[in-house]
C-alpha atoms as a PDB file:
ATOM      1  CA  MET A   1       0.277 -10.648  35.031  1.00  0.00           C
ATOM      2  CA  ALA A   2       1.508 -10.492  31.869  1.00  0.00           C
ATOM      3  CA  LYS A   3       0.800 -14.290  29.532  1.00  0.00           C
ATOM      4  CA  MET A   4       4.131 -15.130  27.893  1.00  0.00           C
ATOM      5  CA  LYS A   5       3.610 -16.133  24.343  1.00  0.00           C
ATOM      6  CA  ASP A   6       4.132 -19.962  23.640  1.00  0.00           C
ATOM      7  CA  PRO A   7       7.357 -20.199  21.998  1.00  0.00           C
ATOM      8  CA  LYS A   8       5.704 -22.223  18.451  1.00  0.00           C
ATOM      9  CA  GLN A   9       4.097 -18.767  18.205  1.00  0.00           C
ATOM     10  CA  ILE A  10       8.034 -17.005  18.475  1.00  0.00           C
ATOM     11  CA  ASP A  11       9.383 -18.945  16.062  1.00  0.00           C
ATOM     12  CA  ASN A  12       6.615 -18.317  13.436  1.00  0.00           C
ATOM     13  CA  LEU A  13       6.379 -14.607  13.808  1.00  0.00           C
ATOM     14  CA  GLN A  14      10.388 -14.812  13.657  1.00  0.00           C
ATOM     15  CA  SER A  15      10.225 -16.760  10.519  1.00  0.00           C
ATOM     16  CA  THR A  16       7.486 -14.247   9.130  1.00  0.00           C
ATOM     17  CA  ILE A  17      10.100 -11.536   9.877  1.00  0.00           C
ATOM     18  CA  PHE A  18      12.640 -13.596   8.249  1.00  0.00           C
ATOM     19  CA  ASN A  19      10.514 -14.544   5.207  1.00  0.00           C
ATOM     20  CA  MET A  20       9.256 -10.652   4.606  1.00  0.00           C
ATOM     21  CA  LYS A  21       9.923  -9.632   1.138  1.00  0.00           C
ATOM     22  CA  LEU A  22      13.131  -7.616   0.619  1.00  0.00           C
ATOM     23  CA  THR A  23      12.713  -7.396  -3.029  1.00  0.00           C
ATOM     24  CA  ARG A  24      10.816  -6.295  -5.519  1.00  0.00           C
ATOM     25  CA  LYS A  25      10.457  -6.619  -9.110  1.00  0.00           C
ATOM     26  CA  VAL A  26       9.170  -3.065 -11.498  1.00  0.00           C
ATOM     27  CA  ILE A  27       9.820  -2.161 -15.190  1.00  0.00           C
ATOM     28  CA  ILE A  28      10.905   1.072 -16.127  1.00  0.00           C
ATOM     29  CA  PRO A  29       7.907   2.596 -17.732  1.00  0.00           C
ATOM     30  CA  ASN A  30       9.184   5.981 -19.230  1.00  0.00           C
ATOM     31  CA  GLU A  31      10.438   6.635 -22.510  1.00  0.00           C
ATOM     32  CA  LEU A  32      13.684   8.065 -21.351  1.00  0.00           C
ATOM     33  CA  GLY A  33      14.790   5.043 -19.125  1.00  0.00           C
ATOM     34  CA  LEU A  34      16.646   5.185 -15.763  1.00  0.00           C
ATOM     35  CA  HIS A  35      18.478   8.945 -16.338  1.00  0.00           C
ATOM     36  CA  ALA A  36      20.507  11.210 -14.239  1.00  0.00           C
ATOM     37  CA  HIS A  37      17.510  13.032 -13.054  1.00  0.00           C
ATOM     38  CA  ALA A  38      15.476   9.492 -12.419  1.00  0.00           C
ATOM     39  CA  ALA A  39      18.759   8.183 -10.804  1.00  0.00           C
ATOM     40  CA  GLY A  40      19.064  11.027  -8.379  1.00  0.00           C
ATOM     41  CA  LYS A  41      15.427  10.530  -7.150  1.00  0.00           C
ATOM     42  CA  ILE A  42      16.064   7.284  -6.704  1.00  0.00           C
ATOM     43  CA  ALA A  43      19.217   8.387  -4.388  1.00  0.00           C
ATOM     44  CA  ARG A  44      17.203  10.958  -2.501  1.00  0.00           C
ATOM     45  CA  LEU A  45      14.897   8.090  -1.612  1.00  0.00           C
ATOM     46  CA  ALA A  46      17.462   4.862  -0.894  1.00  0.00           C
ATOM     47  CA  GLU A  47      19.378   7.963   1.802  1.00  0.00           C
ATOM     48  CA  GLY A  48      16.400   7.503   4.166  1.00  0.00           C
ATOM     49  CA  ALA A  49      16.734   3.826   4.744  1.00  0.00           C
ATOM     50  CA  ARG A  50      18.846   2.212   7.528  1.00  0.00           C
ATOM     51  CA  SER A  51      20.318  -0.496   5.612  1.00  0.00           C
ATOM     52  CA  GLU A  52      21.512  -0.889   2.136  1.00  0.00           C
ATOM     53  CA  VAL A  53      19.307  -0.692  -0.616  1.00  0.00           C
ATOM     54  CA  TYR A  54      20.327  -1.830  -3.963  1.00  0.00           C
ATOM     55  CA  ILE A  55      19.242  -1.588  -7.670  1.00  0.00           C
ATOM     56  CA  VAL A  56      20.000  -5.309  -9.669  1.00  0.00           C
ATOM     57  CA  ARG A  57      19.600  -5.204 -13.464  1.00  0.00           C
ATOM     58  CA  ASP A  58      20.785  -8.802 -14.982  1.00  0.00           C
ATOM     59  CA  GLY A  59      22.435  -9.816 -11.644  1.00  0.00           C
ATOM     60  CA  GLN A  60      24.642  -6.480 -11.544  1.00  0.00           C
ATOM     61  CA  GLU A  61      23.637  -5.130  -8.291  1.00  0.00           C
ATOM     62  CA  VAL A  62      24.423  -1.353  -7.610  1.00  0.00           C
ATOM     63  CA  ASP A  63      23.940   1.094  -4.491  1.00  0.00           C
ATOM     64  CA  ALA A  64      20.931   2.931  -4.965  1.00  0.00           C
ATOM     65  CA  LYS A  65      22.314   6.045  -2.586  1.00  0.00           C
ATOM     66  CA  SER A  66      25.071   6.365  -5.470  1.00  0.00           C
ATOM     67  CA  ILE A  67      23.702   8.089  -8.789  1.00  0.00           C
ATOM     68  CA  LEU A  68      26.687   7.063 -10.888  1.00  0.00           C
ATOM     69  CA  ASP A  69      26.159   4.266 -10.310  1.00  0.00           C
ATOM     70  CA  VAL A  70      22.691   3.849 -11.071  1.00  0.00           C
ATOM     71  CA  MET A  71      22.946   5.385 -13.838  1.00  0.00           C
ATOM     72  CA  ALA A  72      26.079   2.956 -14.722  1.00  0.00           C
ATOM     73  CA  LEU A  73      23.203  -0.079 -14.869  1.00  0.00           C
ATOM     74  CA  TYR A  74      21.783   1.573 -18.271  1.00  0.00           C
ATOM     75  CA  CYS A  75      18.229   0.687 -18.487  1.00  0.00           C
ATOM     76  CA  PRO A  76      16.342   2.149 -21.159  1.00  0.00           C
ATOM     77  CA  CYS A  77      12.720   1.979 -21.194  1.00  0.00           C
ATOM     78  CA  GLY A  78      11.057  -1.421 -20.631  1.00  0.00           C
ATOM     79  CA  THR A  79      14.166  -2.415 -18.742  1.00  0.00           C
ATOM     80  CA  GLU A  80      13.157  -4.714 -15.331  1.00  0.00           C
ATOM     81  CA  VAL A  81      15.473  -4.361 -12.170  1.00  0.00           C
ATOM     82  CA  VAL A  82      14.833  -5.610  -9.115  1.00  0.00           C
ATOM     83  CA  VAL A  83      14.995  -3.273  -5.664  1.00  0.00           C
ATOM     84  CA  LYS A  84      16.471  -4.498  -2.750  1.00  0.00           C
ATOM     85  CA  ILE A  85      16.823  -3.402   0.669  1.00  0.00           C
ATOM     86  CA  THR A  86      19.131  -5.963   3.600  1.00  0.00           C
ATOM     87  CA  ALA A  87      16.327  -5.289   6.364  1.00  0.00           C
ATOM     88  CA  PRO A  88      12.959  -5.253   6.520  1.00  0.00           C
ATOM     89  CA  GLY A  89      13.025  -2.398   8.724  1.00  0.00           C
ATOM     90  CA  ASP A  90      13.543   0.000   5.383  1.00  0.00           C
ATOM     91  CA  VAL A  91      10.168  -1.608   3.519  1.00  0.00           C
ATOM     92  CA  LYS A  92       8.740   1.591   3.343  1.00  0.00           C
ATOM     93  CA  VAL A  93      11.619   2.911   1.090  1.00  0.00           C
ATOM     94  CA  LEU A  94      11.453  -0.606  -0.665  1.00  0.00           C
ATOM     95  CA  ASN A  95       7.828   0.537  -1.137  1.00  0.00           C
ATOM     96  CA  ARG A  96       8.540   4.471  -2.544  1.00  0.00           C
ATOM     97  CA  ILE A  97      11.540   3.372  -4.491  1.00  0.00           C
ATOM     98  CA  VAL A  98       9.074   1.066  -6.413  1.00  0.00           C
ATOM     99  CA  ARG A  99       6.264   3.215  -6.547  1.00  0.00           C
ATOM    100  CA  LEU A 100       8.559   5.950  -7.925  1.00  0.00           C
ATOM    101  CA  ILE A 101       9.864   3.541 -10.913  1.00  0.00           C
ATOM    102  CA  GLU A 102       6.251   2.418 -11.525  1.00  0.00           C
ATOM    103  CA  THR A 103       5.242   6.054 -12.119  1.00  0.00           C
ATOM    104  CA  GLY A 104       7.644   6.804 -14.633  1.00  0.00           C
ATOM    105  CA  PHE A 105       9.925   9.103 -12.066  1.00  0.00           C
ATOM    106  CA  GLY A 106       6.700  11.847 -12.330  1.00  0.00           C
ATOM    107  CA  GLU A 107       7.642  11.862 -16.083  1.00  0.00           C
ATOM    108  CA  LEU A 108       4.422  10.015 -17.328  1.00  0.00           C
END
């Protein structure tokens, strides 16, 4: 017979999942900044998410699945942005987008 988990353990697990980091800060490292081709790469990765994915700059939050919205943020080299997801199940997408940005969109 399976042993029931202690309710306290369940609460701790739920708290851990709830507090899972759903945002990551990253600096745009490439000389051309976040241009159309780079925005397209972000949008393609974001399309793989089940939930919403956002790019945030100076408090302005845009849909990462929209190339035009991402480009409208105007992010030259050195700009700090936040990549944000709305569900813990999309952490892999978050990490892929951050890795893409950190590596200069393959342009470095």
